[in-house]
């Protein structure tokens, strides 16, 4: 298996240390290709134009909410939804490429998530719909936690949680302020 094909403009949009985990190129008729790039930090939609121009929309994993893939008989549609009404769409994708892409996103999220990511699949006679929802701890990491009634849960060791928090910070998933705030809370538990 050779190196994946990547767009020429990638060098201008990729961040230092960011790795492309999966790339999909969609080319329709005479237009320049559209790309969906799954990196270790974000999902990037790149629409190449003529004369070296391009449009880029990127969605960091911490702002990701849902990924939906609708697989039809002839083609598939990829819809990536995030906070602040961000929506990335890529239509007319090959069914197998769509499956590989959603699995690449799932693996990228699993690499940074505490909870494992799951995909719900609805299969009909002529279509399938795959939906990936971001894990709760990333969805609620900035939301206030209500303490109405104490619930006895098996808590993860604070040292392990501290290591995972540092990994999230090192990967750029959380800001320095978020890291410091959560680090202080975890140190209080030790």
N, C-alpha and C. Protein backbone atom coordinates (compact mmCIF):
# COMPACT_ATOMS: atom_id res chain seq x y z
N UNK A 1 0.85 -1.17 0.00
CA UNK A 1 0.00 0.00 0.00
C UNK A 1 0.90 1.23 0.00
N UNK A 2 0.75 2.11 -1.00
CA UNK A 2 1.60 3.29 -1.13
C UNK A 2 1.11 4.45 -0.30
N UNK A 3 1.82 5.55 -0.41
CA UNK A 3 1.45 6.77 0.29
C UNK A 3 0.13 7.30 -0.28
N UNK A 4 -0.73 7.86 0.59
CA UNK A 4 -1.99 8.41 0.08
C UNK A 4 -1.73 9.66 -0.75
N UNK A 5 -2.57 9.86 -1.75
CA UNK A 5 -2.47 11.07 -2.57
C UNK A 5 -2.95 12.25 -1.74
N UNK A 6 -2.22 13.35 -1.81
CA UNK A 6 -2.57 14.54 -1.03
C UNK A 6 -2.62 15.76 -1.95
N UNK A 7 -3.42 16.77 -1.59
CA UNK A 7 -3.53 17.97 -2.43
C UNK A 7 -2.24 18.81 -2.37
N UNK A 8 -1.98 19.55 -3.45
CA UNK A 8 -0.80 20.41 -3.51
C UNK A 8 -0.85 21.51 -2.47
N UNK A 9 -2.02 22.03 -2.16
CA UNK A 9 -2.17 23.15 -1.22
C UNK A 9 -1.99 22.73 0.24
N UNK A 10 -1.82 21.44 0.50
CA UNK A 10 -1.77 20.95 1.87
C UNK A 10 -0.66 21.62 2.69
N UNK A 11 0.48 21.85 2.09
CA UNK A 11 1.59 22.47 2.80
C UNK A 11 1.26 23.84 3.36
N UNK A 12 0.30 24.52 2.76
CA UNK A 12 -0.08 25.86 3.21
C UNK A 12 -1.13 25.84 4.31
N UNK A 13 -1.82 24.71 4.49
CA UNK A 13 -2.91 24.68 5.46
C UNK A 13 -2.66 23.75 6.65
N UNK A 14 -1.70 22.86 6.53
CA UNK A 14 -1.43 21.93 7.62
C UNK A 14 -0.58 22.63 8.69
N UNK A 15 -0.84 22.32 9.94
CA UNK A 15 -0.10 22.92 11.05
C UNK A 15 1.16 22.11 11.34
N UNK A 16 2.18 22.73 11.93
CA UNK A 16 3.40 21.99 12.28
C UNK A 16 3.07 20.80 13.18
N UNK A 17 3.57 19.64 12.84
CA UNK A 17 3.34 18.44 13.64
C UNK A 17 2.03 17.73 13.37
N UNK A 18 1.16 18.32 12.57
CA UNK A 18 -0.14 17.70 12.26
C UNK A 18 0.07 16.61 11.22
N UNK A 19 -0.58 15.46 11.44
CA UNK A 19 -0.44 14.34 10.52
C UNK A 19 -1.75 14.04 9.81
N UNK A 20 -1.69 13.81 8.51
CA UNK A 20 -2.88 13.40 7.74
C UNK A 20 -3.02 11.89 7.91
N UNK A 21 -4.17 11.46 8.45
CA UNK A 21 -4.43 10.05 8.69
C UNK A 21 -5.14 9.41 7.51
N UNK A 22 -5.98 10.20 6.82
CA UNK A 22 -6.74 9.66 5.69
C UNK A 22 -7.14 10.82 4.78
N UNK A 23 -7.13 10.58 3.49
CA UNK A 23 -7.56 11.62 2.55
C UNK A 23 -8.46 11.00 1.49
N UNK A 24 -9.46 11.78 1.09
CA UNK A 24 -10.38 11.36 0.04
C UNK A 24 -10.46 12.49 -0.96
N UNK A 25 -10.30 12.16 -2.23
CA UNK A 25 -10.41 13.14 -3.30
C UNK A 25 -11.67 12.84 -4.09
N UNK A 26 -12.46 13.87 -4.32
CA UNK A 26 -13.66 13.70 -5.13
C UNK A 26 -13.57 14.64 -6.30
N UNK A 27 -13.63 14.10 -7.48
CA UNK A 27 -13.55 14.91 -8.68
C UNK A 27 -14.80 14.68 -9.51
N UNK A 28 -15.44 15.77 -9.84
CA UNK A 28 -16.64 15.70 -10.67
C UNK A 28 -16.37 16.41 -11.99
N UNK A 29 -16.57 15.77 -13.07
CA UNK A 29 -16.45 16.30 -14.44
C UNK A 29 -15.20 17.16 -14.62
N UNK A 30 -15.35 18.42 -15.01
CA UNK A 30 -14.22 19.26 -15.35
C UNK A 30 -13.67 20.07 -14.19
N UNK A 31 -14.35 20.06 -13.06
CA UNK A 31 -13.88 20.90 -11.96
C UNK A 31 -12.68 20.30 -11.25
N UNK A 32 -11.95 21.15 -10.52
CA UNK A 32 -10.82 20.69 -9.73
C UNK A 32 -11.34 19.84 -8.58
N UNK A 33 -10.51 18.96 -8.03
CA UNK A 33 -11.01 18.06 -6.98
C UNK A 33 -11.33 18.76 -5.67
N UNK A 34 -12.25 18.14 -4.94
CA UNK A 34 -12.57 18.54 -3.58
C UNK A 34 -11.99 17.44 -2.69
N UNK A 35 -11.44 17.83 -1.55
CA UNK A 35 -10.77 16.89 -0.65
C UNK A 35 -11.42 16.89 0.72
N UNK A 36 -11.43 15.75 1.34
CA UNK A 36 -11.77 15.62 2.74
C UNK A 36 -10.55 14.96 3.39
N UNK A 37 -9.91 15.69 4.30
CA UNK A 37 -8.68 15.22 4.94
C UNK A 37 -8.96 15.01 6.43
N UNK A 38 -8.63 13.82 6.90
CA UNK A 38 -8.77 13.49 8.32
C UNK A 38 -7.37 13.53 8.90
N UNK A 39 -7.14 14.47 9.84
CA UNK A 39 -5.82 14.56 10.47
C UNK A 39 -5.93 14.10 11.92
N UNK A 40 -4.83 14.12 12.62
CA UNK A 40 -4.86 13.75 14.03
C UNK A 40 -5.44 14.86 14.90
N UNK A 41 -5.75 16.04 14.31
CA UNK A 41 -6.29 17.17 15.07
C UNK A 41 -7.65 17.66 14.60
N UNK A 42 -7.97 17.45 13.32
CA UNK A 42 -9.17 18.07 12.76
C UNK A 42 -9.57 17.40 11.45
N UNK A 43 -10.73 17.83 10.95
CA UNK A 43 -11.21 17.40 9.64
C UNK A 43 -11.13 18.63 8.75
N UNK A 44 -10.55 18.48 7.58
CA UNK A 44 -10.35 19.61 6.67
C UNK A 44 -11.08 19.32 5.37
N UNK A 45 -11.87 20.31 4.91
CA UNK A 45 -12.52 20.25 3.60
C UNK A 45 -11.77 21.25 2.73
N UNK A 46 -11.23 20.78 1.64
CA UNK A 46 -10.43 21.61 0.74
C UNK A 46 -11.04 21.54 -0.65
N UNK A 47 -11.43 22.69 -1.17
CA UNK A 47 -12.01 22.80 -2.50
C UNK A 47 -10.97 23.51 -3.38
N UNK A 48 -10.29 22.74 -4.21
CA UNK A 48 -9.27 23.32 -5.08
C UNK A 48 -9.93 24.05 -6.24
N UNK A 49 -9.36 25.19 -6.59
CA UNK A 49 -9.85 26.01 -7.70
C UNK A 49 -8.75 26.07 -8.76
N UNK A 50 -9.04 26.70 -9.89
CA UNK A 50 -8.03 26.85 -10.92
C UNK A 50 -7.02 27.93 -10.51
N UNK A 51 -5.88 27.92 -11.13
CA UNK A 51 -4.81 28.88 -10.91
C UNK A 51 -4.29 28.88 -9.47
N UNK A 52 -4.30 27.71 -8.83
CA UNK A 52 -3.73 27.58 -7.50
C UNK A 52 -4.57 28.11 -6.36
N UNK A 53 -5.80 28.55 -6.66
CA UNK A 53 -6.67 29.05 -5.59
C UNK A 53 -7.38 27.87 -4.93
N UNK A 54 -7.85 28.10 -3.70
CA UNK A 54 -8.59 27.06 -2.98
C UNK A 54 -9.40 27.68 -1.85
N UNK A 55 -10.43 26.95 -1.42
CA UNK A 55 -11.21 27.30 -0.24
C UNK A 55 -11.00 26.20 0.78
N UNK A 56 -10.84 26.58 2.04
CA UNK A 56 -10.61 25.61 3.10
C UNK A 56 -11.60 25.86 4.23
N UNK A 57 -12.15 24.78 4.75
CA UNK A 57 -12.94 24.83 5.99
C UNK A 57 -12.41 23.71 6.86
N UNK A 58 -12.09 24.03 8.08
CA UNK A 58 -11.54 23.03 9.00
C UNK A 58 -12.37 22.97 10.26
N UNK A 59 -12.51 21.79 10.81
CA UNK A 59 -13.27 21.59 12.02
C UNK A 59 -12.42 20.79 13.01
N UNK A 60 -11.91 21.46 14.06
CA UNK A 60 -11.13 20.74 15.07
C UNK A 60 -12.02 19.74 15.80
N UNK A 61 -11.43 18.64 16.26
CA UNK A 61 -12.23 17.60 16.90
C UNK A 61 -12.97 18.10 18.14
N UNK A 62 -12.41 19.09 18.86
CA UNK A 62 -13.12 19.57 20.04
C UNK A 62 -14.40 20.31 19.68
N UNK A 63 -14.55 20.73 18.42
CA UNK A 63 -15.79 21.41 17.99
C UNK A 63 -16.70 20.48 17.19
N UNK A 64 -16.27 19.26 16.95
CA UNK A 64 -17.06 18.28 16.21
C UNK A 64 -18.23 17.80 17.06
N UNK A 65 -19.40 17.69 16.45
CA UNK A 65 -20.57 17.16 17.16
C UNK A 65 -21.06 15.85 16.55
N UNK A 66 -21.17 15.79 15.22
CA UNK A 66 -21.74 14.60 14.58
C UNK A 66 -21.20 14.45 13.17
N UNK A 67 -21.03 13.19 12.76
CA UNK A 67 -20.67 12.88 11.39
C UNK A 67 -21.72 11.91 10.87
N UNK A 68 -22.34 12.25 9.74
CA UNK A 68 -23.37 11.40 9.14
C UNK A 68 -22.94 11.06 7.73
N UNK A 69 -23.04 9.78 7.40
CA UNK A 69 -22.75 9.34 6.04
C UNK A 69 -24.00 8.62 5.54
N UNK A 70 -24.52 9.09 4.41
CA UNK A 70 -25.68 8.47 3.78
C UNK A 70 -25.19 7.74 2.55
N UNK A 71 -25.24 6.42 2.60
CA UNK A 71 -24.76 5.59 1.50
C UNK A 71 -25.95 5.16 0.65
N UNK A 72 -25.95 5.59 -0.60
CA UNK A 72 -27.02 5.22 -1.52
C UNK A 72 -26.56 4.17 -2.51
N UNK A 73 -27.38 3.90 -3.50
CA UNK A 73 -27.04 2.90 -4.51
C UNK A 73 -25.87 3.38 -5.38
N UNK A 74 -25.93 4.63 -5.82
CA UNK A 74 -24.93 5.16 -6.75
C UNK A 74 -23.78 5.87 -6.05
N UNK A 75 -24.06 6.57 -4.95
CA UNK A 75 -23.02 7.35 -4.30
C UNK A 75 -23.39 7.62 -2.85
N UNK A 76 -22.54 8.41 -2.20
CA UNK A 76 -22.75 8.71 -0.79
C UNK A 76 -22.59 10.19 -0.53
N UNK A 77 -23.20 10.63 0.57
CA UNK A 77 -23.05 12.01 1.00
C UNK A 77 -22.49 12.01 2.41
N UNK A 78 -21.50 12.86 2.63
CA UNK A 78 -20.82 12.99 3.91
C UNK A 78 -21.21 14.32 4.52
N UNK A 79 -21.74 14.33 5.74
CA UNK A 79 -22.13 15.57 6.41
C UNK A 79 -21.45 15.59 7.78
N UNK A 80 -20.64 16.62 8.00
CA UNK A 80 -19.91 16.77 9.25
C UNK A 80 -20.42 18.02 9.92
N UNK A 81 -20.97 17.86 11.13
CA UNK A 81 -21.57 18.99 11.84
C UNK A 81 -20.75 19.32 13.08
N UNK A 82 -20.62 20.63 13.33
CA UNK A 82 -19.87 21.07 14.49
C UNK A 82 -20.55 22.21 15.19
N UNK A 83 -19.91 22.66 16.26
CA UNK A 83 -20.41 23.80 17.01
C UNK A 83 -20.46 25.03 16.11
N UNK A 84 -21.18 26.04 16.54
CA UNK A 84 -21.27 27.31 15.82
C UNK A 84 -21.82 27.15 14.40
N UNK A 85 -22.72 26.20 14.23
CA UNK A 85 -23.39 25.94 12.95
C UNK A 85 -22.42 25.64 11.81
N UNK A 86 -21.31 25.00 12.12
CA UNK A 86 -20.34 24.61 11.09
C UNK A 86 -20.84 23.30 10.47
N UNK A 87 -20.95 23.27 9.15
CA UNK A 87 -21.33 22.05 8.45
C UNK A 87 -20.43 21.89 7.23
N UNK A 88 -19.80 20.73 7.12
CA UNK A 88 -18.99 20.40 5.95
C UNK A 88 -19.70 19.29 5.21
N UNK A 89 -19.87 19.45 3.90
CA UNK A 89 -20.56 18.43 3.10
C UNK A 89 -19.69 18.03 1.92
N UNK A 90 -19.72 16.75 1.63
CA UNK A 90 -19.03 16.24 0.46
C UNK A 90 -19.94 15.17 -0.15
N UNK A 91 -20.46 15.44 -1.33
CA UNK A 91 -21.38 14.51 -1.98
C UNK A 91 -20.69 13.70 -3.06
N UNK A 92 -21.40 12.76 -3.59
CA UNK A 92 -20.94 11.90 -4.67
C UNK A 92 -19.63 11.20 -4.34
N UNK A 93 -19.56 10.70 -3.13
CA UNK A 93 -18.38 9.96 -2.70
C UNK A 93 -18.63 8.46 -2.91
N UNK A 94 -17.61 7.74 -3.29
CA UNK A 94 -17.67 6.30 -3.42
C UNK A 94 -18.07 5.68 -2.07
N UNK A 95 -18.93 4.66 -2.08
CA UNK A 95 -19.43 4.06 -0.85
C UNK A 95 -18.29 3.52 0.02
N UNK A 96 -17.34 2.82 -0.58
CA UNK A 96 -16.24 2.26 0.20
C UNK A 96 -15.36 3.36 0.77
N UNK A 97 -15.13 4.42 0.00
CA UNK A 97 -14.35 5.55 0.49
C UNK A 97 -15.06 6.21 1.67
N UNK A 98 -16.37 6.31 1.59
CA UNK A 98 -17.15 6.91 2.68
C UNK A 98 -17.01 6.07 3.96
N UNK A 99 -17.09 4.75 3.83
CA UNK A 99 -16.92 3.87 4.99
C UNK A 99 -15.53 4.02 5.60
N UNK A 100 -14.52 4.05 4.74
CA UNK A 100 -13.14 4.19 5.22
C UNK A 100 -12.94 5.54 5.90
N UNK A 101 -13.56 6.58 5.37
CA UNK A 101 -13.41 7.92 5.93
C UNK A 101 -14.03 8.02 7.32
N UNK A 102 -15.26 7.51 7.49
CA UNK A 102 -15.89 7.60 8.81
C UNK A 102 -15.13 6.75 9.82
N UNK A 103 -14.57 5.63 9.38
CA UNK A 103 -13.76 4.82 10.30
C UNK A 103 -12.46 5.53 10.66
N UNK A 104 -11.88 6.28 9.72
CA UNK A 104 -10.67 7.06 10.02
C UNK A 104 -10.98 8.14 11.05
N UNK A 105 -12.15 8.79 10.92
CA UNK A 105 -12.55 9.81 11.90
C UNK A 105 -12.77 9.16 13.27
N UNK A 106 -13.40 8.00 13.26
CA UNK A 106 -13.63 7.27 14.52
C UNK A 106 -12.30 6.94 15.19
N UNK A 107 -11.33 6.44 14.42
CA UNK A 107 -10.02 6.10 14.99
C UNK A 107 -9.30 7.34 15.51
N UNK A 108 -9.40 8.46 14.79
CA UNK A 108 -8.76 9.70 15.23
C UNK A 108 -9.37 10.18 16.55
N UNK A 109 -10.70 10.09 16.67
CA UNK A 109 -11.36 10.49 17.92
C UNK A 109 -11.01 9.53 19.05
N UNK A 110 -10.95 8.22 18.76
CA UNK A 110 -10.59 7.25 19.79
C UNK A 110 -9.18 7.49 20.32
N UNK A 111 -8.31 8.03 19.49
CA UNK A 111 -6.94 8.29 19.92
C UNK A 111 -6.87 9.41 20.96
N UNK A 112 -7.87 10.30 20.98
CA UNK A 112 -7.84 11.42 21.92
C UNK A 112 -8.96 11.37 22.95
N UNK A 113 -9.91 10.45 22.81
CA UNK A 113 -11.07 10.41 23.69
C UNK A 113 -10.84 9.47 24.87
N UNK A 114 -11.49 9.78 25.98
CA UNK A 114 -11.46 8.90 27.13
C UNK A 114 -12.47 7.78 26.91
N UNK A 115 -13.68 8.15 26.44
CA UNK A 115 -14.72 7.16 26.14
C UNK A 115 -14.56 6.69 24.70
N UNK A 116 -14.80 5.40 24.43
CA UNK A 116 -14.71 4.95 23.04
C UNK A 116 -15.85 5.52 22.19
N UNK A 117 -15.55 5.78 20.94
CA UNK A 117 -16.51 6.33 19.99
C UNK A 117 -17.29 5.16 19.38
N UNK A 118 -18.57 5.37 19.16
CA UNK A 118 -19.37 4.34 18.52
C UNK A 118 -20.04 4.92 17.28
N UNK A 119 -20.39 4.03 16.38
CA UNK A 119 -21.09 4.42 15.16
C UNK A 119 -22.40 3.66 15.12
N UNK A 120 -23.50 4.39 14.91
CA UNK A 120 -24.81 3.76 14.74
C UNK A 120 -25.07 3.60 13.25
N UNK A 121 -25.54 2.44 12.84
CA UNK A 121 -25.79 2.16 11.43
C UNK A 121 -27.25 1.76 11.24
N UNK A 122 -27.92 2.43 10.29
CA UNK A 122 -29.28 2.05 9.89
C UNK A 122 -29.19 1.55 8.46
N UNK A 123 -29.55 0.29 8.24
CA UNK A 123 -29.44 -0.29 6.90
C UNK A 123 -30.83 -0.55 6.36
N UNK A 124 -31.10 0.03 5.19
CA UNK A 124 -32.35 -0.21 4.50
C UNK A 124 -32.11 -1.12 3.30
N UNK A 125 -33.11 -1.26 2.45
CA UNK A 125 -32.97 -2.12 1.27
C UNK A 125 -31.96 -1.56 0.28
N UNK A 126 -31.98 -0.26 0.07
CA UNK A 126 -31.09 0.32 -0.95
C UNK A 126 -30.17 1.39 -0.38
N UNK A 127 -30.19 1.57 0.93
CA UNK A 127 -29.34 2.62 1.49
C UNK A 127 -28.89 2.26 2.90
N UNK A 128 -27.87 2.98 3.35
CA UNK A 128 -27.38 2.86 4.72
C UNK A 128 -27.13 4.27 5.24
N UNK A 129 -27.27 4.44 6.55
CA UNK A 129 -26.91 5.71 7.16
C UNK A 129 -26.04 5.40 8.37
N UNK A 130 -24.85 5.98 8.41
CA UNK A 130 -23.92 5.81 9.52
C UNK A 130 -23.87 7.14 10.26
N UNK A 131 -24.00 7.11 11.59
CA UNK A 131 -23.94 8.33 12.39
C UNK A 131 -22.94 8.13 13.52
N UNK A 132 -21.99 9.04 13.58
CA UNK A 132 -21.00 9.05 14.64
C UNK A 132 -21.23 10.30 15.48
N UNK A 133 -21.46 10.13 16.76
CA UNK A 133 -21.61 11.26 17.68
C UNK A 133 -20.35 11.35 18.53
N UNK A 134 -19.87 12.55 18.74
CA UNK A 134 -18.67 12.74 19.53
C UNK A 134 -18.89 12.26 20.96
N UNK A 135 -17.87 11.67 21.59
CA UNK A 135 -18.02 11.21 22.97
C UNK A 135 -18.43 12.33 23.92
N UNK A 136 -19.16 11.96 24.96
CA UNK A 136 -19.71 12.93 25.90
C UNK A 136 -18.65 13.79 26.55
N UNK A 137 -17.52 13.20 26.93
CA UNK A 137 -16.55 14.00 27.68
C UNK A 137 -15.98 15.13 26.85
N UNK A 138 -15.96 14.99 25.52
CA UNK A 138 -15.52 16.09 24.69
C UNK A 138 -16.66 17.06 24.42
N UNK A 139 -17.89 16.57 24.37
CA UNK A 139 -19.04 17.44 24.15
C UNK A 139 -19.25 18.33 25.37
N UNK A 140 -19.06 17.78 26.57
CA UNK A 140 -19.38 18.52 27.79
C UNK A 140 -18.15 19.06 28.50
N UNK A 141 -17.00 19.02 27.90
CA UNK A 141 -15.81 19.42 28.65
C UNK A 141 -15.83 20.88 29.05
N UNK A 142 -16.59 21.73 28.35
CA UNK A 142 -16.68 23.13 28.75
C UNK A 142 -18.03 23.46 29.38
N UNK A 143 -18.92 22.49 29.44
CA UNK A 143 -20.24 22.72 30.03
C UNK A 143 -20.16 22.54 31.54
N UNK A 144 -20.91 23.34 32.30
CA UNK A 144 -20.89 23.16 33.75
C UNK A 144 -21.53 21.84 34.14
N UNK A 145 -21.00 21.23 35.17
CA UNK A 145 -21.52 19.95 35.66
C UNK A 145 -22.44 20.24 36.83
N UNK A 146 -23.65 19.70 36.79
CA UNK A 146 -24.58 19.93 37.89
C UNK A 146 -24.36 18.85 38.94
N UNK A 147 -24.42 19.25 40.17
CA UNK A 147 -24.23 18.31 41.28
C UNK A 147 -25.51 18.25 42.12
N UNK A 148 -26.58 17.75 41.55
CA UNK A 148 -27.85 17.71 42.27
C UNK A 148 -27.86 16.57 43.28
N UNK A 149 -27.40 15.40 42.91
CA UNK A 149 -27.37 14.27 43.83
C UNK A 149 -26.07 13.51 43.61
N UNK A 150 -25.39 13.14 44.66
CA UNK A 150 -24.15 12.40 44.47
C UNK A 150 -24.43 11.02 43.88
N UNK A 151 -23.66 10.66 42.90
CA UNK A 151 -23.80 9.38 42.24
C UNK A 151 -22.51 8.62 42.44
N UNK A 152 -22.62 7.39 42.88
CA UNK A 152 -21.43 6.58 43.08
C UNK A 152 -21.04 5.95 41.74
N UNK A 153 -19.91 6.40 41.21
CA UNK A 153 -19.40 5.86 39.96
C UNK A 153 -17.98 5.40 40.19
N UNK A 154 -17.57 4.46 39.39
CA UNK A 154 -16.18 4.03 39.43
C UNK A 154 -15.36 5.13 38.76
N UNK A 155 -14.52 5.80 39.54
CA UNK A 155 -13.74 6.92 39.01
C UNK A 155 -12.38 6.41 38.55
N UNK A 156 -11.94 6.96 37.45
CA UNK A 156 -10.62 6.65 36.94
C UNK A 156 -9.58 7.31 37.84
N UNK A 157 -8.44 6.69 37.98
CA UNK A 157 -7.36 7.21 38.79
C UNK A 157 -6.99 8.63 38.32
N UNK A 158 -6.91 9.60 39.25
CA UNK A 158 -6.59 10.98 38.85
C UNK A 158 -5.25 11.09 38.10
N UNK A 159 -4.29 10.24 38.42
CA UNK A 159 -3.00 10.28 37.71
C UNK A 159 -3.19 9.89 36.24
N UNK A 160 -4.02 8.87 35.98
CA UNK A 160 -4.30 8.47 34.60
C UNK A 160 -5.03 9.57 33.85
N UNK A 161 -5.99 10.20 34.54
CA UNK A 161 -6.73 11.30 33.92
C UNK A 161 -5.81 12.49 33.65
N UNK A 162 -4.84 12.72 34.52
CA UNK A 162 -3.88 13.80 34.34
C UNK A 162 -3.01 13.54 33.11
N UNK A 163 -2.60 12.28 32.92
CA UNK A 163 -1.80 11.91 31.73
C UNK A 163 -2.61 12.13 30.45
N UNK A 164 -3.87 11.71 30.47
CA UNK A 164 -4.72 11.88 29.28
C UNK A 164 -4.96 13.37 28.99
N UNK A 165 -5.14 14.14 30.05
CA UNK A 165 -5.33 15.58 29.89
C UNK A 165 -4.11 16.21 29.24
N UNK A 166 -2.91 15.82 29.67
CA UNK A 166 -1.67 16.34 29.10
C UNK A 166 -1.56 15.96 27.63
N UNK A 167 -1.95 14.73 27.29
CA UNK A 167 -1.92 14.29 25.89
C UNK A 167 -2.86 15.15 25.04
N UNK A 168 -4.05 15.44 25.56
CA UNK A 168 -5.00 16.28 24.82
C UNK A 168 -4.42 17.67 24.60
N UNK A 169 -3.77 18.21 25.62
CA UNK A 169 -3.15 19.54 25.50
C UNK A 169 -2.00 19.50 24.48
N UNK A 170 -1.15 18.48 24.56
CA UNK A 170 -0.01 18.37 23.64
C UNK A 170 -0.46 18.24 22.19
N UNK A 171 -1.62 17.62 21.96
CA UNK A 171 -2.13 17.46 20.60
C UNK A 171 -2.88 18.69 20.12
N UNK A 172 -3.07 19.67 21.00
CA UNK A 172 -3.77 20.89 20.61
C UNK A 172 -5.29 20.78 20.66
N UNK A 173 -5.80 19.74 21.30
CA UNK A 173 -7.24 19.54 21.37
C UNK A 173 -7.87 20.50 22.37
N UNK A 174 -7.15 20.80 23.45
CA UNK A 174 -7.64 21.76 24.43
C UNK A 174 -6.65 22.90 24.56
N UNK A 175 -7.15 24.06 24.97
CA UNK A 175 -6.30 25.25 25.11
C UNK A 175 -5.49 25.18 26.39
N UNK A 176 -4.50 26.08 26.51
CA UNK A 176 -3.67 26.12 27.71
C UNK A 176 -4.52 26.46 28.93
N UNK A 177 -5.49 27.38 28.76
CA UNK A 177 -6.35 27.76 29.88
C UNK A 177 -7.17 26.56 30.36
N UNK A 178 -7.75 25.82 29.41
CA UNK A 178 -8.54 24.65 29.77
C UNK A 178 -7.66 23.61 30.46
N UNK A 179 -6.45 23.43 29.93
CA UNK A 179 -5.52 22.46 30.50
C UNK A 179 -5.19 22.83 31.95
N UNK A 180 -4.84 24.09 32.18
CA UNK A 180 -4.46 24.53 33.53
C UNK A 180 -5.63 24.39 34.51
N UNK A 181 -6.82 24.75 34.06
CA UNK A 181 -8.01 24.67 34.93
C UNK A 181 -8.27 23.21 35.33
N UNK A 182 -8.29 22.31 34.35
CA UNK A 182 -8.57 20.91 34.65
C UNK A 182 -7.43 20.25 35.42
N UNK A 183 -6.20 20.66 35.12
CA UNK A 183 -5.04 20.10 35.82
C UNK A 183 -5.12 20.44 37.31
N UNK A 184 -5.48 21.67 37.64
CA UNK A 184 -5.60 22.08 39.05
C UNK A 184 -6.65 21.25 39.77
N UNK A 185 -7.79 21.01 39.10
CA UNK A 185 -8.86 20.22 39.71
C UNK A 185 -8.40 18.78 39.94
N UNK A 186 -7.68 18.22 38.97
CA UNK A 186 -7.19 16.84 39.14
C UNK A 186 -6.14 16.75 40.24
N UNK A 187 -5.28 17.75 40.35
CA UNK A 187 -4.26 17.74 41.40
C UNK A 187 -4.90 17.82 42.79
N UNK A 188 -6.04 18.48 42.90
CA UNK A 188 -6.76 18.54 44.18
C UNK A 188 -7.29 17.17 44.59
N UNK A 189 -7.56 16.30 43.61
CA UNK A 189 -8.09 14.96 43.91
C UNK A 189 -7.01 13.99 44.36
N UNK A 190 -5.76 14.33 44.10
CA UNK A 190 -4.66 13.41 44.42
C UNK A 190 -4.35 13.46 45.91
